[in-house]
C-alpha atoms as a PDB file:
ATOM      1  CA  MET A   1      95.279 108.074 101.118  1.00  0.00           C
ATOM      2  CA  MET A   2      92.040 106.215 101.184  1.00  0.00           C
ATOM      3  CA  ALA A   3      91.414 102.699 102.499  1.00  0.00           C
ATOM      4  CA  THR A   4      89.687 100.260 100.208  1.00  0.00           C
ATOM      5  CA  GLY A   5      87.540  99.033 103.098  1.00  0.00           C
ATOM      6  CA  THR A   6      88.372  95.332 103.226  1.00  0.00           C
ATOM      7  CA  LEU A   7      91.169  93.739 105.183  1.00  0.00           C
ATOM      8  CA  VAL A   8      93.583  91.607 103.198  1.00  0.00           C
ATOM      9  CA  SER A   9      96.535  89.450 104.178  1.00  0.00           C
ATOM     10  CA  VAL A  10     100.148  90.395 103.500  1.00  0.00           C
ATOM     11  CA  GLU A  11     100.321  87.525 101.006  1.00  0.00           C
ATOM     12  CA  GLU A  12      97.263  88.771  99.110  1.00  0.00           C
ATOM     13  CA  TYR A  13      98.682  92.307  99.041  1.00  0.00           C
ATOM     14  CA  LEU A  14     102.035  91.103  97.724  1.00  0.00           C
ATOM     15  CA  ASN A  15     100.394  88.937  95.063  1.00  0.00           C
ATOM     16  CA  THR A  16      97.984  91.591  93.777  1.00  0.00           C
ATOM     17  CA  SER A  17      98.837  94.232  91.207  1.00  0.00           C
ATOM     18  CA  TYR A  18      97.468  97.670  91.988  1.00  0.00           C
ATOM     19  CA  SER A  19      97.511 100.474  89.468  1.00  0.00           C
ATOM     20  CA  PRO A  20      98.854 102.723  90.775  1.00  0.00           C
ATOM     21  CA  ASP A  21     100.582 100.735  93.500  1.00  0.00           C
ATOM     22  CA  CYS A  22      99.048 100.987  96.971  1.00  0.00           C
ATOM     23  CA  GLU A  23     100.472 101.023 100.457  1.00  0.00           C
ATOM     24  CA  TYR A  24      99.527  98.373 103.000  1.00  0.00           C
ATOM     25  CA  LEU A  25      99.093  99.136 106.700  1.00  0.00           C
ATOM     26  CA  ASP A  26      98.096  96.383 109.102  1.00  0.00           C
ATOM     27  CA  GLY A  27      95.626  94.686 106.770  1.00  0.00           C
ATOM     28  CA  GLU A  28      94.333  97.764 104.959  1.00  0.00           C
ATOM     29  CA  VAL A  29      95.230  98.524 101.364  1.00  0.00           C
ATOM     30  CA  LEU A  30      95.594 102.285 101.030  1.00  0.00           C
ATOM     31  CA  GLN A  31      95.484 104.185  97.789  1.00  0.00           C
ATOM     32  CA  ARG A  32      98.227 106.764  97.470  1.00  0.00           C
ATOM     33  CA  ASN A  33      97.373 110.306  96.516  1.00  0.00           C
ATOM     34  CA  LEU A  34      98.334 110.721  92.917  1.00  0.00           C
ATOM     35  CA  GLY A  35     100.320 113.725  91.957  1.00  0.00           C
ATOM     36  CA  GLU A  36      99.340 116.329  89.502  1.00  0.00           C
ATOM     37  CA  TRP A  37     101.616 117.947  86.937  1.00  0.00           C
ATOM     38  CA  ASP A  38     103.905 119.711  89.467  1.00  0.00           C
ATOM     39  CA  HIS A  39     104.341 116.467  91.428  1.00  0.00           C
ATOM     40  CA  SER A  40     104.971 114.298  88.371  1.00  0.00           C
ATOM     41  CA  GLU A  41     107.387 116.737  86.751  1.00  0.00           C
ATOM     42  CA  LEU A  42     109.420 117.132  89.950  1.00  0.00           C
ATOM     43  CA  GLN A  43     109.490 113.367  90.557  1.00  0.00           C
ATOM     44  CA  LEU A  44     110.822 112.783  87.055  1.00  0.00           C
ATOM     45  CA  ALA A  45     113.409 115.589  87.276  1.00  0.00           C
ATOM     46  CA  LEU A  46     114.654 114.553  90.715  1.00  0.00           C
ATOM     47  CA  GLY A  47     114.760 110.871  89.802  1.00  0.00           C
ATOM     48  CA  SER A  48     116.634 111.682  86.587  1.00  0.00           C
ATOM     49  CA  TYR A  49     119.137 113.846  88.455  1.00  0.00           C
ATOM     50  CA  LEU A  50     119.801 111.100  91.001  1.00  0.00           C
ATOM     51  CA  LEU A  51     120.075 108.523  88.227  1.00  0.00           C
ATOM     52  CA  GLY A  52     122.712 110.707  86.591  1.00  0.00           C
ATOM     53  CA  ILE A  53     124.936 110.913  89.696  1.00  0.00           C
ATOM     54  CA  ARG A  54     124.386 107.407  91.059  1.00  0.00           C
ATOM     55  CA  LYS A  55     127.539 105.797  89.702  1.00  0.00           C
ATOM     56  CA  SER A  56     129.872 108.541  90.939  1.00  0.00           C
ATOM     57  CA  ILE A  57     128.539 108.150  94.490  1.00  0.00           C
ATOM     58  CA  GLY A  58     127.667 104.446  94.506  1.00  0.00           C
ATOM     59  CA  PHE A  59     123.933 104.063  94.942  1.00  0.00           C
ATOM     60  CA  TYR A  60     120.818 102.817  93.178  1.00  0.00           C
ATOM     61  CA  VAL A  61     117.668 104.866  92.721  1.00  0.00           C
ATOM     62  CA  ALA A  62     114.080 103.723  92.189  1.00  0.00           C
ATOM     63  CA  THR A  63     110.673 105.333  91.927  1.00  0.00           C
ATOM     64  CA  GLU A  64     107.563 103.993  93.647  1.00  0.00           C
ATOM     65  CA  GLN A  65     109.354 101.004  95.170  1.00  0.00           C
ATOM     66  CA  ARG A  66     107.529  98.897  97.792  1.00  0.00           C
ATOM     67  CA  ILE A  67     109.328  98.860 101.135  1.00  0.00           C
ATOM     68  CA  GLN A  68     108.361  96.540 103.981  1.00  0.00           C
ATOM     69  CA  VAL A  69     108.901  98.808 106.982  1.00  0.00           C
ATOM     70  CA  ALA A  70     107.362  96.334 109.482  1.00  0.00           C
ATOM     71  CA  PRO A  71     105.880  92.827 109.263  1.00  0.00           C
ATOM     72  CA  THR A  72     102.440  94.161 108.292  1.00  0.00           C
ATOM     73  CA  ARG A  73     103.353  97.585 106.904  1.00  0.00           C
ATOM     74  CA  PHE A  74     104.454  98.448 103.363  1.00  0.00           C
ATOM     75  CA  ARG A  75     105.192 101.964 102.187  1.00  0.00           C
ATOM     76  CA  VAL A  76     105.759 103.233  98.637  1.00  0.00           C
ATOM     77  CA  PRO A  77     107.862 106.420  98.515  1.00  0.00           C
ATOM     78  CA  ASP A  78     107.990 108.532  95.382  1.00  0.00           C
ATOM     79  CA  ILE A  79     111.758 107.936  95.137  1.00  0.00           C
ATOM     80  CA  CYS A  80     114.228 105.931  97.196  1.00  0.00           C
ATOM     81  CA  VAL A  81     117.996 105.514  97.217  1.00  0.00           C
ATOM     82  CA  VAL A  82     119.757 102.279  98.175  1.00  0.00           C
ATOM     83  CA  LEU A  83     123.510 102.231  98.821  1.00  0.00           C
ATOM     84  CA  HIS A  84     126.163  99.875  97.460  1.00  0.00           C
ATOM     85  CA  ARG A  85     124.274  97.067  95.751  1.00  0.00           C
ATOM     86  CA  ARG A  86     121.158  96.676  93.674  1.00  0.00           C
ATOM     87  CA  PRO A  87     118.460  94.903  95.691  1.00  0.00           C
ATOM     88  CA  ALA A  88     117.808  91.336  94.562  1.00  0.00           C
ATOM     89  CA  GLU A  89     114.266  91.098  95.949  1.00  0.00           C
ATOM     90  CA  PRO A  90     111.249  92.807  94.356  1.00  0.00           C
ATOM     91  CA  VAL A  91     110.242  94.330  97.726  1.00  0.00           C
ATOM     92  CA  LEU A  92     112.818  96.138  99.858  1.00  0.00           C
ATOM     93  CA  ARG A  93     113.086  94.541 103.278  1.00  0.00           C
ATOM     94  CA  GLU A  94     116.172  96.480 104.351  1.00  0.00           C
ATOM     95  CA  PRO A  95     116.050 100.220 104.889  1.00  0.00           C
ATOM     96  CA  PRO A  96     116.980 102.391 101.952  1.00  0.00           C
ATOM     97  CA  PHE A  97     119.406 105.215 102.685  1.00  0.00           C
ATOM     98  CA  LEU A  98     116.985 107.921 101.516  1.00  0.00           C
ATOM     99  CA  CYS A  99     113.241 108.120 100.882  1.00  0.00           C
ATOM    100  CA  ILE A 100     111.760 111.095  99.053  1.00  0.00           C
ATOM    101  CA  GLU A 101     108.122 112.107  99.332  1.00  0.00           C
ATOM    102  CA  ILE A 102     106.713 114.730  96.994  1.00  0.00           C
ATOM    103  CA  LEU A 103     103.486 116.107  98.387  1.00  0.00           C
ATOM    104  CA  SER A 104     100.223 115.937  96.471  1.00  0.00           C
ATOM    105  CA  PRO A 105      97.422 118.445  97.103  1.00  0.00           C
ATOM    106  CA  GLU A 106      95.457 115.837  99.117  1.00  0.00           C
ATOM    107  CA  ASP A 107      98.338 114.869 101.425  1.00  0.00           C
ATOM    108  CA  ARG A 108      97.684 115.663 105.080  1.00  0.00           C
ATOM    109  CA  ALA A 109     100.381 116.479 107.636  1.00  0.00           C
ATOM    110  CA  GLY A 110      99.291 113.813 110.133  1.00  0.00           C
ATOM    111  CA  LYS A 111      99.403 110.990 107.603  1.00  0.00           C
ATOM    112  CA  MET A 112     102.740 112.163 106.228  1.00  0.00           C
ATOM    113  CA  LEU A 113     104.212 112.254 109.746  1.00  0.00           C
ATOM    114  CA  LYS A 114     103.083 108.649 110.303  1.00  0.00           C
ATOM    115  CA  LYS A 115     104.817 107.676 107.072  1.00  0.00           C
ATOM    116  CA  ILE A 116     107.990 109.537 108.095  1.00  0.00           C
ATOM    117  CA  ASN A 117     107.921 107.808 111.495  1.00  0.00           C
ATOM    118  CA  ASP A 118     107.551 104.424 109.762  1.00  0.00           C
ATOM    119  CA  TYR A 119     110.636 105.183 107.670  1.00  0.00           C
ATOM    120  CA  LEU A 120     112.682 106.396 110.651  1.00  0.00           C
ATOM    121  CA  SER A 121     111.631 103.440 112.851  1.00  0.00           C
ATOM    122  CA  PHE A 122     112.640 101.093 110.039  1.00  0.00           C
ATOM    123  CA  GLY A 123     116.101 102.663 109.851  1.00  0.00           C
ATOM    124  CA  VAL A 124     115.900 104.972 106.837  1.00  0.00           C
ATOM    125  CA  ARG A 125     118.630 107.545 107.480  1.00  0.00           C
ATOM    126  CA  TYR A 126     117.133 110.445 105.531  1.00  0.00           C
ATOM    127  CA  ILE A 127     113.667 111.450 104.356  1.00  0.00           C
ATOM    128  CA  TRP A 128     113.157 114.445 102.095  1.00  0.00           C
ATOM    129  CA  VAL A 129     109.636 115.883 101.919  1.00  0.00           C
ATOM    130  CA  ILE A 130     109.036 118.367  99.126  1.00  0.00           C
ATOM    131  CA  ASP A 131     106.011 120.541  98.419  1.00  0.00           C
ATOM    132  CA  PRO A 132     106.115 121.183  94.648  1.00  0.00           C
ATOM    133  CA  VAL A 133     103.588 124.035  94.852  1.00  0.00           C
ATOM    134  CA  SER A 134     105.280 126.151  97.542  1.00  0.00           C
ATOM    135  CA  ARG A 135     108.719 124.754  96.583  1.00  0.00           C
ATOM    136  CA  GLU A 136     109.487 124.275 100.273  1.00  0.00           C
ATOM    137  CA  ALA A 137     111.255 121.177 101.530  1.00  0.00           C
ATOM    138  CA  SER A 138     112.225 119.520 104.803  1.00  0.00           C
ATOM    139  CA  ILE A 139     114.858 116.983 105.718  1.00  0.00           C
ATOM    140  CA  TYR A 140     114.110 114.360 108.372  1.00  0.00           C
ATOM    141  CA  SER A 141     116.643 112.100 110.063  1.00  0.00           C
ATOM    142  CA  LEU A 142     117.104 110.437 113.441  1.00  0.00           C
ATOM    143  CA  SER A 143     118.959 113.560 114.570  1.00  0.00           C
ATOM    144  CA  GLY A 144     116.011 115.831 113.849  1.00  0.00           C
ATOM    145  CA  VAL A 145     114.127 117.749 111.221  1.00  0.00           C
ATOM    146  CA  TRP A 146     115.059 120.954 109.482  1.00  0.00           C
ATOM    147  CA  GLU A 147     113.685 123.081 106.711  1.00  0.00           C
ATOM    148  CA  ALA A 148     115.836 123.386 103.611  1.00  0.00           C
ATOM    149  CA  LYS A 149     115.546 127.186 103.606  1.00  0.00           C
ATOM    150  CA  ASP A 150     118.134 127.594 100.849  1.00  0.00           C
ATOM    151  CA  GLY A 151     116.415 124.900  98.782  1.00  0.00           C
ATOM    152  CA  VAL A 152     119.335 122.504  99.053  1.00  0.00           C
ATOM    153  CA  LEU A 153     118.492 118.963 100.129  1.00  0.00           C
ATOM    154  CA  SER A 154     121.457 116.935 101.325  1.00  0.00           C
ATOM    155  CA  THR A 155     122.690 113.833 103.096  1.00  0.00           C
ATOM    156  CA  SER A 156     126.047 112.848 104.509  1.00  0.00           C
ATOM    157  CA  ASP A 157     128.037 109.617 104.344  1.00  0.00           C
ATOM    158  CA  PRO A 158     127.649 109.575 101.402  1.00  0.00           C
ATOM    159  CA  GLU A 159     127.099 113.178 100.502  1.00  0.00           C
ATOM    160  CA  ILE A 160     124.199 113.662  98.143  1.00  0.00           C
ATOM    161  CA  SER A 161     123.161 117.235  97.441  1.00  0.00           C
ATOM    162  CA  VAL A 162     120.345 118.535  95.284  1.00  0.00           C
ATOM    163  CA  SER A 163     119.556 122.191  94.668  1.00  0.00           C
ATOM    164  CA  LEU A 164     115.803 122.486  94.206  1.00  0.00           C
ATOM    165  CA  PRO A 165     116.093 126.002  92.700  1.00  0.00           C
ATOM    166  CA  ASP A 166     118.487 124.614  90.054  1.00  0.00           C
ATOM    167  CA  LEU A 167     116.209 121.632  89.451  1.00  0.00           C
ATOM    168  CA  TYR A 168     113.169 123.910  89.025  1.00  0.00           C
ATOM    169  CA  ARG A 169     115.140 126.172  86.646  1.00  0.00           C
ATOM    170  CA  SER A 170     115.923 123.125  84.506  1.00  0.00           C
ATOM    171  CA  LEU A 171     112.173 122.522  84.139  1.00  0.00           C
ATOM    172  CA  GLU A 172     111.429 126.022  82.812  1.00  0.00           C
END
């Protein structure tokens, strides 16, 4: 992510259209690293899969949705899942159940950890971080972090489970 250099107010950020959408951290507008083919294809496949199972579990799924994680901090995950009811506001101000980040080649571990900590501090119960090149993934929650060695990403209460190997096979 790269800062644009000028500080802007929350109001200006919320009333400005960025293409692609940007994150906002304490006055700085930050460009998100854009994915390449592997990132985009996985985001579409994973979002489509979640869209297909949403009604049976009872959640809503969105891509690149602004989330206000603190009064002056807005994050934009690749995919997020909200339980029970469709949000009425254009910006999420309550924690989604799950945020999914698909790494881009320019993503750095330190910046991703700050983003994960923002999500956890805000009350997001699960964060999935996926590297589309290595096909490795990790699951973060308040109870810890673990690598999805078998390629299965999951949550509980409700149970959502995604097999990355199956998802990748569907893309071949």
